[in-house]
C-alpha atoms as a PDB file:
ATOM      1  CA  UNK A   1     113.400-136.829  49.333  1.00  0.00           C
ATOM      2  CA  UNK A   2     112.914-137.088  45.586  1.00  0.00           C
ATOM      3  CA  UNK A   3     112.761-134.207  43.147  1.00  0.00           C
ATOM      4  CA  UNK A   4     109.273-132.924  42.414  1.00  0.00           C
ATOM      5  CA  UNK A   5     108.265-133.059  38.764  1.00  0.00           C
ATOM      6  CA  UNK A   6     104.860-131.431  39.066  1.00  0.00           C
ATOM      7  CA  UNK A   7     103.571-129.339  36.129  1.00  0.00           C
ATOM      8  CA  UNK A   8     103.463-125.585  36.075  1.00  0.00           C
ATOM      9  CA  UNK A   9     100.775-123.988  38.258  1.00  0.00           C
ATOM     10  CA  UNK A  10      97.358-123.820  36.670  1.00  0.00           C
ATOM     11  CA  UNK A  11      95.220-120.711  36.712  1.00  0.00           C
ATOM     12  CA  UNK A  12      93.195-120.160  39.858  1.00  0.00           C
ATOM     13  CA  UNK A  13      90.999-117.264  40.836  1.00  0.00           C
ATOM     14  CA  UNK A  14      92.675-114.388  42.660  1.00  0.00           C
ATOM     15  CA  UNK A  15      90.202-114.881  45.474  1.00  0.00           C
ATOM     16  CA  UNK A  16      91.303-118.474  45.940  1.00  0.00           C
ATOM     17  CA  UNK A  17      94.936-117.386  45.958  1.00  0.00           C
ATOM     18  CA  UNK A  18      94.182-114.787  48.604  1.00  0.00           C
ATOM     19  CA  UNK A  19      92.503-117.408  50.742  1.00  0.00           C
ATOM     20  CA  UNK A  20      95.664-119.451  50.507  1.00  0.00           C
ATOM     21  CA  UNK A  21      97.811-116.470  51.414  1.00  0.00           C
ATOM     22  CA  UNK A  22      95.721-115.869  54.498  1.00  0.00           C
ATOM     23  CA  UNK A  23      97.279-118.980  55.977  1.00  0.00           C
ATOM     24  CA  UNK A  24     100.853-117.904  55.332  1.00  0.00           C
ATOM     25  CA  UNK A  25     101.419-116.631  58.833  1.00  0.00           C
ATOM     26  CA  UNK A  26     104.652-116.290  60.724  1.00  0.00           C
ATOM     27  CA  UNK A  27     104.279-115.783  64.458  1.00  0.00           C
ATOM     28  CA  UNK A  28     105.934-115.050  67.751  1.00  0.00           C
ATOM     29  CA  UNK A  29     105.349-118.590  68.965  1.00  0.00           C
ATOM     30  CA  UNK A  30     108.986-119.551  69.093  1.00  0.00           C
ATOM     31  CA  UNK A  31     109.503-116.642  71.456  1.00  0.00           C
ATOM     32  CA  UNK A  32     107.502-118.709  73.941  1.00  0.00           C
ATOM     33  CA  UNK A  33     109.894-121.679  73.753  1.00  0.00           C
ATOM     34  CA  UNK A  34     112.272-122.177  76.637  1.00  0.00           C
ATOM     35  CA  UNK A  35     114.540-124.670  74.900  1.00  0.00           C
ATOM     36  CA  UNK A  36     115.374-128.053  76.311  1.00  0.00           C
ATOM     37  CA  UNK A  37     118.943-128.221  75.049  1.00  0.00           C
ATOM     38  CA  UNK A  38     122.211-127.007  76.476  1.00  0.00           C
ATOM     39  CA  UNK A  39     124.262-124.257  74.887  1.00  0.00           C
ATOM     40  CA  UNK A  40     127.371-125.531  73.115  1.00  0.00           C
ATOM     41  CA  UNK A  41     130.619-123.663  72.685  1.00  0.00           C
ATOM     42  CA  UNK A  42     131.204-122.346  69.199  1.00  0.00           C
ATOM     43  CA  UNK A  43     134.389-124.378  68.867  1.00  0.00           C
ATOM     44  CA  UNK A  44     135.543-124.694  65.267  1.00  0.00           C
ATOM     45  CA  UNK A  45     132.355-123.068  63.997  1.00  0.00           C
ATOM     46  CA  UNK A  46     133.616-119.622  64.992  1.00  0.00           C
ATOM     47  CA  UNK A  47     131.504-116.576  65.679  1.00  0.00           C
ATOM     48  CA  UNK A  48     128.963-115.693  63.007  1.00  0.00           C
ATOM     49  CA  UNK A  49     126.278-113.070  62.700  1.00  0.00           C
ATOM     50  CA  UNK A  50     122.826-114.481  62.035  1.00  0.00           C
ATOM     51  CA  UNK A  51     120.410-112.054  60.379  1.00  0.00           C
ATOM     52  CA  UNK A  52     116.929-113.507  60.964  1.00  0.00           C
ATOM     53  CA  UNK A  53     113.886-112.477  58.909  1.00  0.00           C
ATOM     54  CA  UNK A  54     110.316-113.106  60.065  1.00  0.00           C
ATOM     55  CA  UNK A  55     107.312-114.091  57.985  1.00  0.00           C
ATOM     56  CA  UNK A  56     103.998-112.471  57.176  1.00  0.00           C
ATOM     57  CA  UNK A  57     101.842-110.925  59.926  1.00  0.00           C
ATOM     58  CA  UNK A  58     104.809-111.395  62.243  1.00  0.00           C
ATOM     59  CA  UNK A  59     107.843-109.606  63.721  1.00  0.00           C
ATOM     60  CA  UNK A  60     111.442-110.068  64.779  1.00  0.00           C
ATOM     61  CA  UNK A  61     110.191-111.350  68.146  1.00  0.00           C
ATOM     62  CA  UNK A  62     109.369-114.602  66.341  1.00  0.00           C
ATOM     63  CA  UNK A  63     113.066-115.459  66.645  1.00  0.00           C
ATOM     64  CA  UNK A  64     113.455-114.816  70.392  1.00  0.00           C
ATOM     65  CA  UNK A  65     114.062-118.399  71.532  1.00  0.00           C
ATOM     66  CA  UNK A  66     116.279-119.369  68.598  1.00  0.00           C
ATOM     67  CA  UNK A  67     118.154-116.081  68.752  1.00  0.00           C
ATOM     68  CA  UNK A  68     118.747-116.463  72.479  1.00  0.00           C
ATOM     69  CA  UNK A  69     120.168-119.948  71.991  1.00  0.00           C
ATOM     70  CA  UNK A  70     122.430-118.814  69.147  1.00  0.00           C
ATOM     71  CA  UNK A  71     123.706-115.992  71.345  1.00  0.00           C
ATOM     72  CA  UNK A  72     124.398-118.431  74.175  1.00  0.00           C
ATOM     73  CA  UNK A  73     126.516-120.404  71.739  1.00  0.00           C
ATOM     74  CA  UNK A  74     128.653-117.339  71.143  1.00  0.00           C
ATOM     75  CA  UNK A  75     127.122-115.832  67.999  1.00  0.00           C
ATOM     76  CA  UNK A  76     125.783-112.390  67.197  1.00  0.00           C
ATOM     77  CA  UNK A  77     122.089-112.251  66.293  1.00  0.00           C
ATOM     78  CA  UNK A  78     120.031-109.598  64.491  1.00  0.00           C
ATOM     79  CA  UNK A  79     116.275-110.262  64.338  1.00  0.00           C
ATOM     80  CA  UNK A  80     114.924-107.799  61.779  1.00  0.00           C
ATOM     81  CA  UNK A  81     111.560-106.048  62.080  1.00  0.00           C
ATOM     82  CA  UNK A  82     110.280-105.340  58.588  1.00  0.00           C
ATOM     83  CA  UNK A  83     108.795-101.840  58.017  1.00  0.00           C
ATOM     84  CA  UNK A  84     105.537-101.314  59.917  1.00  0.00           C
ATOM     85  CA  UNK A  85     106.068-104.628  61.714  1.00  0.00           C
ATOM     86  CA  UNK A  86     107.125-105.433  65.257  1.00  0.00           C
ATOM     87  CA  UNK A  87     108.058-102.297  67.181  1.00  0.00           C
ATOM     88  CA  UNK A  88     106.695-100.228  64.277  1.00  0.00           C
ATOM     89  CA  UNK A  89     103.563-102.250  63.654  1.00  0.00           C
ATOM     90  CA  UNK A  90     100.301-100.676  62.591  1.00  0.00           C
ATOM     91  CA  UNK A  91      97.343-101.555  64.832  1.00  0.00           C
ATOM     92  CA  UNK A  92      93.944-100.552  63.428  1.00  0.00           C
ATOM     93  CA  UNK A  93      91.810 -98.705  65.954  1.00  0.00           C
ATOM     94  CA  UNK A  94      88.918-100.974  65.058  1.00  0.00           C
ATOM     95  CA  UNK A  95      91.036-104.022  65.844  1.00  0.00           C
ATOM     96  CA  UNK A  96      91.652-102.828  69.384  1.00  0.00           C
ATOM     97  CA  UNK A  97      87.931-102.106  69.766  1.00  0.00           C
ATOM     98  CA  UNK A  98      86.928-105.314  67.946  1.00  0.00           C
ATOM     99  CA  UNK A  99      84.539-103.275  65.809  1.00  0.00           C
ATOM    100  CA  UNK A 100      84.405-105.736  62.925  1.00  0.00           C
ATOM    101  CA  UNK A 101      82.328-103.515  60.666  1.00  0.00           C
ATOM    102  CA  UNK A 102      84.824-100.650  60.941  1.00  0.00           C
ATOM    103  CA  UNK A 103      87.753-103.062  60.736  1.00  0.00           C
ATOM    104  CA  UNK A 104      86.566-104.187  57.303  1.00  0.00           C
ATOM    105  CA  UNK A 105      87.204-100.725  55.844  1.00  0.00           C
ATOM    106  CA  UNK A 106      89.792 -98.943  58.025  1.00  0.00           C
ATOM    107  CA  UNK A 107      92.712 -97.852  55.790  1.00  0.00           C
ATOM    108  CA  UNK A 108      96.162 -99.306  56.377  1.00  0.00           C
ATOM    109  CA  UNK A 109      99.604 -97.766  55.715  1.00  0.00           C
ATOM    110  CA  UNK A 110     100.869-101.325  55.259  1.00  0.00           C
ATOM    111  CA  UNK A 111      99.186-101.312  51.844  1.00  0.00           C
ATOM    112  CA  UNK A 112     101.916 -99.001  50.525  1.00  0.00           C
ATOM    113  CA  UNK A 113     104.734-101.423  51.363  1.00  0.00           C
ATOM    114  CA  UNK A 114     106.495-103.292  48.585  1.00  0.00           C
ATOM    115  CA  UNK A 115     109.036-106.081  48.571  1.00  0.00           C
ATOM    116  CA  UNK A 116     111.632-103.406  47.754  1.00  0.00           C
ATOM    117  CA  UNK A 117     110.932-101.882  51.181  1.00  0.00           C
ATOM    118  CA  UNK A 118     111.423-105.248  52.849  1.00  0.00           C
ATOM    119  CA  UNK A 119     114.610-105.911  50.887  1.00  0.00           C
ATOM    120  CA  UNK A 120     116.100-102.528  51.800  1.00  0.00           C
ATOM    121  CA  UNK A 121     115.432-103.122  55.494  1.00  0.00           C
ATOM    122  CA  UNK A 122     117.153-106.524  55.465  1.00  0.00           C
ATOM    123  CA  UNK A 123     119.988-105.433  53.186  1.00  0.00           C
ATOM    124  CA  UNK A 124     120.699-102.580  55.593  1.00  0.00           C
ATOM    125  CA  UNK A 125     120.968-105.042  58.472  1.00  0.00           C
ATOM    126  CA  UNK A 126     123.259-107.309  56.444  1.00  0.00           C
ATOM    127  CA  UNK A 127     125.510-104.397  55.460  1.00  0.00           C
ATOM    128  CA  UNK A 128     125.917-103.304  59.083  1.00  0.00           C
ATOM    129  CA  UNK A 129     126.525-106.858  60.254  1.00  0.00           C
ATOM    130  CA  UNK A 130     129.196-107.427  57.600  1.00  0.00           C
ATOM    131  CA  UNK A 131     130.871-104.112  58.396  1.00  0.00           C
ATOM    132  CA  UNK A 132     131.142-105.051  62.071  1.00  0.00           C
ATOM    133  CA  UNK A 133     132.969-108.267  61.203  1.00  0.00           C
ATOM    134  CA  UNK A 134     132.358-112.000  61.068  1.00  0.00           C
ATOM    135  CA  UNK A 135     130.623-114.119  58.410  1.00  0.00           C
ATOM    136  CA  UNK A 136     126.931-113.368  57.910  1.00  0.00           C
ATOM    137  CA  UNK A 137     124.258-116.076  57.697  1.00  0.00           C
ATOM    138  CA  UNK A 138     120.852-114.923  56.408  1.00  0.00           C
ATOM    139  CA  UNK A 139     117.823-116.946  57.536  1.00  0.00           C
ATOM    140  CA  UNK A 140     114.179-116.425  56.553  1.00  0.00           C
ATOM    141  CA  UNK A 141     110.977-118.050  57.777  1.00  0.00           C
ATOM    142  CA  UNK A 142     107.821-118.270  55.655  1.00  0.00           C
ATOM    143  CA  UNK A 143     107.427-114.971  53.748  1.00  0.00           C
ATOM    144  CA  UNK A 144     110.916-114.065  54.978  1.00  0.00           C
ATOM    145  CA  UNK A 145     112.243-116.300  52.218  1.00  0.00           C
ATOM    146  CA  UNK A 146     111.346-113.598  49.693  1.00  0.00           C
ATOM    147  CA  UNK A 147     113.766-111.218  51.400  1.00  0.00           C
ATOM    148  CA  UNK A 148     116.448-113.911  51.550  1.00  0.00           C
ATOM    149  CA  UNK A 149     116.251-114.371  47.773  1.00  0.00           C
ATOM    150  CA  UNK A 150     116.169-110.626  47.075  1.00  0.00           C
ATOM    151  CA  UNK A 151     119.030-109.751  49.443  1.00  0.00           C
ATOM    152  CA  UNK A 152     121.159-112.649  48.219  1.00  0.00           C
ATOM    153  CA  UNK A 153     120.821-111.170  44.724  1.00  0.00           C
ATOM    154  CA  UNK A 154     121.630-107.652  45.935  1.00  0.00           C
ATOM    155  CA  UNK A 155     124.690-108.313  48.128  1.00  0.00           C
ATOM    156  CA  UNK A 156     125.888-111.911  47.643  1.00  0.00           C
ATOM    157  CA  UNK A 157     129.446-110.843  48.495  1.00  0.00           C
ATOM    158  CA  UNK A 158     128.348-110.022  52.058  1.00  0.00           C
ATOM    159  CA  UNK A 159     126.755-113.410  52.770  1.00  0.00           C
ATOM    160  CA  UNK A 160     128.356-116.727  53.695  1.00  0.00           C
ATOM    161  CA  UNK A 161     125.213-118.886  53.781  1.00  0.00           C
ATOM    162  CA  UNK A 162     121.483-118.493  53.175  1.00  0.00           C
ATOM    163  CA  UNK A 163     118.799-120.575  54.859  1.00  0.00           C
ATOM    164  CA  UNK A 164     115.074-120.996  54.198  1.00  0.00           C
ATOM    165  CA  UNK A 165     113.029-122.253  57.164  1.00  0.00           C
ATOM    166  CA  UNK A 166     109.733-123.545  55.747  1.00  0.00           C
ATOM    167  CA  UNK A 167     110.061-120.406  53.632  1.00  0.00           C
ATOM    168  CA  UNK A 168     108.987-119.289  50.200  1.00  0.00           C
ATOM    169  CA  UNK A 169     111.692-119.623  47.565  1.00  0.00           C
ATOM    170  CA  UNK A 170     110.053-118.418  44.327  1.00  0.00           C
ATOM    171  CA  UNK A 171     111.243-119.777  40.988  1.00  0.00           C
ATOM    172  CA  UNK A 172     110.969-118.936  37.323  1.00  0.00           C
ATOM    173  CA  UNK A 173     107.633-120.776  37.096  1.00  0.00           C
ATOM    174  CA  UNK A 174     106.387-119.321  40.411  1.00  0.00           C
ATOM    175  CA  UNK A 175     108.020-115.876  40.601  1.00  0.00           C
ATOM    176  CA  UNK A 176     106.063-114.450  43.547  1.00  0.00           C
ATOM    177  CA  UNK A 177     104.574-115.586  46.822  1.00  0.00           C
ATOM    178  CA  UNK A 178     101.138-115.222  45.214  1.00  0.00           C
ATOM    179  CA  UNK A 179     102.169-117.585  42.430  1.00  0.00           C
ATOM    180  CA  UNK A 180     103.537-120.103  44.928  1.00  0.00           C
ATOM    181  CA  UNK A 181     100.378-120.000  47.046  1.00  0.00           C
ATOM    182  CA  UNK A 182      98.068-120.409  44.043  1.00  0.00           C
ATOM    183  CA  UNK A 183     100.036-123.322  42.546  1.00  0.00           C
ATOM    184  CA  UNK A 184      98.618-126.851  42.698  1.00  0.00           C
ATOM    185  CA  UNK A 185     101.119-127.660  45.455  1.00  0.00           C
ATOM    186  CA  UNK A 186     100.176-124.520  47.356  1.00  0.00           C
ATOM    187  CA  UNK A 187      96.552-125.608  47.404  1.00  0.00           C
ATOM    188  CA  UNK A 188      97.446-128.278  49.966  1.00  0.00           C
ATOM    189  CA  UNK A 189      97.686-125.518  52.579  1.00  0.00           C
ATOM    190  CA  UNK A 190      94.921-124.998  55.124  1.00  0.00           C
ATOM    191  CA  UNK A 191      93.018-121.718  54.861  1.00  0.00           C
ATOM    192  CA  UNK A 192      91.491-119.590  57.636  1.00  0.00           C
ATOM    193  CA  UNK A 193      87.717-119.463  57.713  1.00  0.00           C
ATOM    194  CA  UNK A 194      87.461-115.696  57.378  1.00  0.00           C
ATOM    195  CA  UNK A 195      89.454-112.643  56.313  1.00  0.00           C
ATOM    196  CA  UNK A 196      88.378-109.140  57.232  1.00  0.00           C
ATOM    197  CA  UNK A 197      87.313-106.811  54.445  1.00  0.00           C
ATOM    198  CA  UNK A 198      88.191-107.000  50.754  1.00  0.00           C
ATOM    199  CA  UNK A 199      91.960-107.369  50.201  1.00  0.00           C
ATOM    200  CA  UNK A 200      91.643-105.817  46.762  1.00  0.00           C
ATOM    201  CA  UNK A 201      90.174-102.633  48.241  1.00  0.00           C
ATOM    202  CA  UNK A 202      92.208-102.511  51.451  1.00  0.00           C
ATOM    203  CA  UNK A 203      95.501-103.342  49.741  1.00  0.00           C
ATOM    204  CA  UNK A 204      96.296-105.689  52.637  1.00  0.00           C
ATOM    205  CA  UNK A 205      95.374-109.146  53.770  1.00  0.00           C
ATOM    206  CA  UNK A 206      93.716-108.469  57.135  1.00  0.00           C
ATOM    207  CA  UNK A 207      93.104-111.161  59.757  1.00  0.00           C
ATOM    208  CA  UNK A 208      91.410-110.853  63.131  1.00  0.00           C
ATOM    209  CA  UNK A 209      93.652-112.808  65.491  1.00  0.00           C
ATOM    210  CA  UNK A 210      91.541-111.686  68.481  1.00  0.00           C
ATOM    211  CA  UNK A 211      88.468-113.520  67.291  1.00  0.00           C
ATOM    212  CA  UNK A 212      86.389-115.422  69.827  1.00  0.00           C
ATOM    213  CA  UNK A 213      84.984-117.764  67.183  1.00  0.00           C
ATOM    214  CA  UNK A 214      86.080-121.250  68.245  1.00  0.00           C
ATOM    215  CA  UNK A 215      86.015-122.567  64.676  1.00  0.00           C
ATOM    216  CA  UNK A 216      88.377-119.849  63.513  1.00  0.00           C
ATOM    217  CA  UNK A 217      90.685-120.423  66.456  1.00  0.00           C
ATOM    218  CA  UNK A 218      90.834-124.142  65.686  1.00  0.00           C
ATOM    219  CA  UNK A 219      91.709-123.320  62.069  1.00  0.00           C
ATOM    220  CA  UNK A 220      94.416-120.837  63.110  1.00  0.00           C
ATOM    221  CA  UNK A 221      96.020-123.359  65.457  1.00  0.00           C
ATOM    222  CA  UNK A 222      95.960-126.116  62.855  1.00  0.00           C
ATOM    223  CA  UNK A 223      97.534-123.814  60.272  1.00  0.00           C
ATOM    224  CA  UNK A 224     100.274-122.431  62.458  1.00  0.00           C
ATOM    225  CA  UNK A 225     101.178-124.659  65.382  1.00  0.00           C
ATOM    226  CA  UNK A 226      99.034-127.762  65.776  1.00  0.00           C
ATOM    227  CA  UNK A 227     101.898-129.490  67.615  1.00  0.00           C
ATOM    228  CA  UNK A 228     102.145-126.727  70.273  1.00  0.00           C
ATOM    229  CA  UNK A 229     100.155-126.422  73.488  1.00  0.00           C
ATOM    230  CA  UNK A 230      97.085-124.201  73.796  1.00  0.00           C
ATOM    231  CA  UNK A 231      99.042-121.853  76.058  1.00  0.00           C
ATOM    232  CA  UNK A 232     101.769-121.491  73.426  1.00  0.00           C
ATOM    233  CA  UNK A 233      99.116-120.913  70.767  1.00  0.00           C
ATOM    234  CA  UNK A 234      97.668-117.995  72.750  1.00  0.00           C
ATOM    235  CA  UNK A 235     101.126-116.459  72.891  1.00  0.00           C
ATOM    236  CA  UNK A 236     101.306-116.889  69.120  1.00  0.00           C
ATOM    237  CA  UNK A 237      98.107-114.894  68.637  1.00  0.00           C
ATOM    238  CA  UNK A 238      99.386-112.134  70.897  1.00  0.00           C
ATOM    239  CA  UNK A 239     102.404-111.685  68.657  1.00  0.00           C
ATOM    240  CA  UNK A 240     100.532-111.497  65.352  1.00  0.00           C
ATOM    241  CA  UNK A 241      99.580-108.336  63.507  1.00  0.00           C
ATOM    242  CA  UNK A 242      96.482-107.801  61.425  1.00  0.00           C
ATOM    243  CA  UNK A 243      97.779-106.556  58.073  1.00  0.00           C
ATOM    244  CA  UNK A 244     100.190-107.676  55.383  1.00  0.00           C
ATOM    245  CA  UNK A 245     100.861-105.981  52.058  1.00  0.00           C
ATOM    246  CA  UNK A 246      99.171-107.438  49.000  1.00  0.00           C
ATOM    247  CA  UNK A 247     101.761-105.724  46.802  1.00  0.00           C
ATOM    248  CA  UNK A 248     104.611-107.524  48.547  1.00  0.00           C
ATOM    249  CA  UNK A 249     102.800-110.830  48.046  1.00  0.00           C
ATOM    250  CA  UNK A 250     102.694-110.204  44.305  1.00  0.00           C
ATOM    251  CA  UNK A 251     106.229-108.820  43.833  1.00  0.00           C
ATOM    252  CA  UNK A 252     108.835-110.924  42.059  1.00  0.00           C
ATOM    253  CA  UNK A 253     111.527-112.613  44.189  1.00  0.00           C
ATOM    254  CA  UNK A 254     113.470-115.045  42.006  1.00  0.00           C
ATOM    255  CA  UNK A 255     117.145-115.561  42.743  1.00  0.00           C
ATOM    256  CA  UNK A 256     119.594-115.311  39.838  1.00  0.00           C
ATOM    257  CA  UNK A 257     122.032-118.128  39.196  1.00  0.00           C
ATOM    258  CA  UNK A 258     125.021-115.784  39.081  1.00  0.00           C
ATOM    259  CA  UNK A 259     124.366-114.117  42.452  1.00  0.00           C
ATOM    260  CA  UNK A 260     121.912-115.895  44.741  1.00  0.00           C
ATOM    261  CA  UNK A 261     122.768-119.174  43.030  1.00  0.00           C
ATOM    262  CA  UNK A 262     126.438-119.136  43.975  1.00  0.00           C
ATOM    263  CA  UNK A 263     125.815-119.049  47.733  1.00  0.00           C
ATOM    264  CA  UNK A 264     125.677-122.170  49.917  1.00  0.00           C
ATOM    265  CA  UNK A 265     122.020-122.681  50.808  1.00  0.00           C
ATOM    266  CA  UNK A 266     120.017-124.802  53.213  1.00  0.00           C
ATOM    267  CA  UNK A 267     116.319-125.613  53.450  1.00  0.00           C
ATOM    268  CA  UNK A 268     114.650-126.595  56.735  1.00  0.00           C
ATOM    269  CA  UNK A 269     111.715-128.703  55.568  1.00  0.00           C
ATOM    270  CA  UNK A 270     108.730-128.986  57.921  1.00  0.00           C
ATOM    271  CA  UNK A 271     106.783-132.120  57.073  1.00  0.00           C
ATOM    272  CA  UNK A 272     103.463-131.253  58.749  1.00  0.00           C
ATOM    273  CA  UNK A 273     103.324-127.606  57.714  1.00  0.00           C
ATOM    274  CA  UNK A 274      99.711-126.627  56.964  1.00  0.00           C
ATOM    275  CA  UNK A 275     100.712-123.136  55.767  1.00  0.00           C
ATOM    276  CA  UNK A 276     103.628-123.677  53.372  1.00  0.00           C
ATOM    277  CA  UNK A 277     102.642-127.201  52.396  1.00  0.00           C
ATOM    278  CA  UNK A 278     105.404-129.831  52.177  1.00  0.00           C
ATOM    279  CA  UNK A 279     104.424-130.421  48.549  1.00  0.00           C
ATOM    280  CA  UNK A 280     105.156-126.773  47.805  1.00  0.00           C
ATOM    281  CA  UNK A 281     108.388-126.860  49.780  1.00  0.00           C
ATOM    282  CA  UNK A 282     109.514-129.829  47.681  1.00  0.00           C
ATOM    283  CA  UNK A 283     108.673-128.107  44.407  1.00  0.00           C
ATOM    284  CA  UNK A 284     110.493-124.907  45.375  1.00  0.00           C
ATOM    285  CA  UNK A 285     113.582-126.895  46.382  1.00  0.00           C
ATOM    286  CA  UNK A 286     113.515-128.899  43.142  1.00  0.00           C
ATOM    287  CA  UNK A 287     113.139-125.840  40.914  1.00  0.00           C
ATOM    288  CA  UNK A 288     115.925-123.991  42.701  1.00  0.00           C
ATOM    289  CA  UNK A 289     118.199-126.988  42.225  1.00  0.00           C
ATOM    290  CA  UNK A 290     117.305-127.147  38.541  1.00  0.00           C
ATOM    291  CA  UNK A 291     118.525-123.551  38.170  1.00  0.00           C
ATOM    292  CA  UNK A 292     121.872-124.306  39.835  1.00  0.00           C
ATOM    293  CA  UNK A 293     122.459-128.068  39.598  1.00  0.00           C
ATOM    294  CA  UNK A 294     126.083-127.539  40.627  1.00  0.00           C
ATOM    295  CA  UNK A 295     124.968-125.859  43.871  1.00  0.00           C
ATOM    296  CA  UNK A 296     121.943-127.580  45.359  1.00  0.00           C
ATOM    297  CA  UNK A 297     120.033-127.107  48.598  1.00  0.00           C
ATOM    298  CA  UNK A 298     121.190-129.000  51.654  1.00  0.00           C
ATOM    299  CA  UNK A 299     117.948-130.222  53.188  1.00  0.00           C
ATOM    300  CA  UNK A 300     117.258-130.827  56.859  1.00  0.00           C
ATOM    301  CA  UNK A 301     113.932-132.596  57.252  1.00  0.00           C
ATOM    302  CA  UNK A 302     111.763-132.145  60.345  1.00  0.00           C
ATOM    303  CA  UNK A 303     108.991-134.618  59.404  1.00  0.00           C
ATOM    304  CA  UNK A 304     106.747-133.923  62.397  1.00  0.00           C
ATOM    305  CA  UNK A 305     107.074-130.124  62.480  1.00  0.00           C
ATOM    306  CA  UNK A 306     104.283-127.681  61.734  1.00  0.00           C
ATOM    307  CA  UNK A 307     104.756-124.200  60.307  1.00  0.00           C
ATOM    308  CA  UNK A 308     106.528-122.782  63.360  1.00  0.00           C
ATOM    309  CA  UNK A 309     108.932-125.657  63.584  1.00  0.00           C
ATOM    310  CA  UNK A 310     109.419-128.116  66.445  1.00  0.00           C
ATOM    311  CA  UNK A 311     108.241-126.977  69.905  1.00  0.00           C
ATOM    312  CA  UNK A 312     111.824-127.375  71.162  1.00  0.00           C
ATOM    313  CA  UNK A 313     113.685-124.560  69.341  1.00  0.00           C
ATOM    314  CA  UNK A 314     117.095-126.062  70.065  1.00  0.00           C
ATOM    315  CA  UNK A 315     116.496-128.593  67.289  1.00  0.00           C
ATOM    316  CA  UNK A 316     116.478-125.756  64.756  1.00  0.00           C
ATOM    317  CA  UNK A 317     119.309-123.959  66.537  1.00  0.00           C
ATOM    318  CA  UNK A 318     121.506-127.050  66.268  1.00  0.00           C
ATOM    319  CA  UNK A 319     121.153-126.924  62.469  1.00  0.00           C
ATOM    320  CA  UNK A 320     121.751-123.172  62.229  1.00  0.00           C
ATOM    321  CA  UNK A 321     124.768-123.385  64.511  1.00  0.00           C
ATOM    322  CA  UNK A 322     126.302-126.075  62.333  1.00  0.00           C
ATOM    323  CA  UNK A 323     125.735-124.537  58.884  1.00  0.00           C
ATOM    324  CA  UNK A 324     128.952-124.833  56.855  1.00  0.00           C
ATOM    325  CA  UNK A 325     130.450-121.590  55.578  1.00  0.00           C
END
């Protein structure tokens, strides 16, 4: 892979940026994977604690298959639920009823969440993991990359490695997820056909994963997991939640060279990602490496993988298991 020398992002309308963000969806799809590989003994790798951070509209259950395989290989695993996600998730009454008119205006407590809230949740998990012993590896998928960057700045002394899995890694020229999504490289992402309500008024990006519109379902599958079966895709939709905080999308998450930048870091690049486009992944990697040329990303390329990664989760687990500390 060659370094990306694209110019700074040009101005785009906020509406266009929001349309791009609507495709930035993590999911519980990997929880559906059974894994074709065989568990390996930890050997010289030793026991680590993996703190795993999900993406937008998602939950800790996203990591079920990968977490199970890491545990079988002798590691400890903590799959974090961000506030009001997963076991705490907010479900609009109108979503359950599929009352689309009411869903367009029903208030959401998710709107009050900031990236500080997400960072505190993950930092708390990292602190507990470090206190209980063993090196800590922090891994983020999609929007989870924002928390990786923030936490690596907050407590670099507690981390042994950080890993971005098709995740946002904002830079000085693209300091937020919103800036990344609205960049020229971000415009290569595929957008959903429809978002519910006005994000500016709701304070959240709201998506109706229970839609029966075939065109929308085709778009969702192409964005998230085109290389998965239809049955796996339905399990993805079941694990999604409607709302994500617009404030968190716009909050700054740029790692500093003296903290985040001193940690060993790895990027899992997904070459057919229609949500965090490969062009954007390349630019984020290049700009991070420009900040710390003495400590560059180690890149593992999965050229045929969509946003959720390869259907066989053991391919990702092999990389995580072997990360050098």
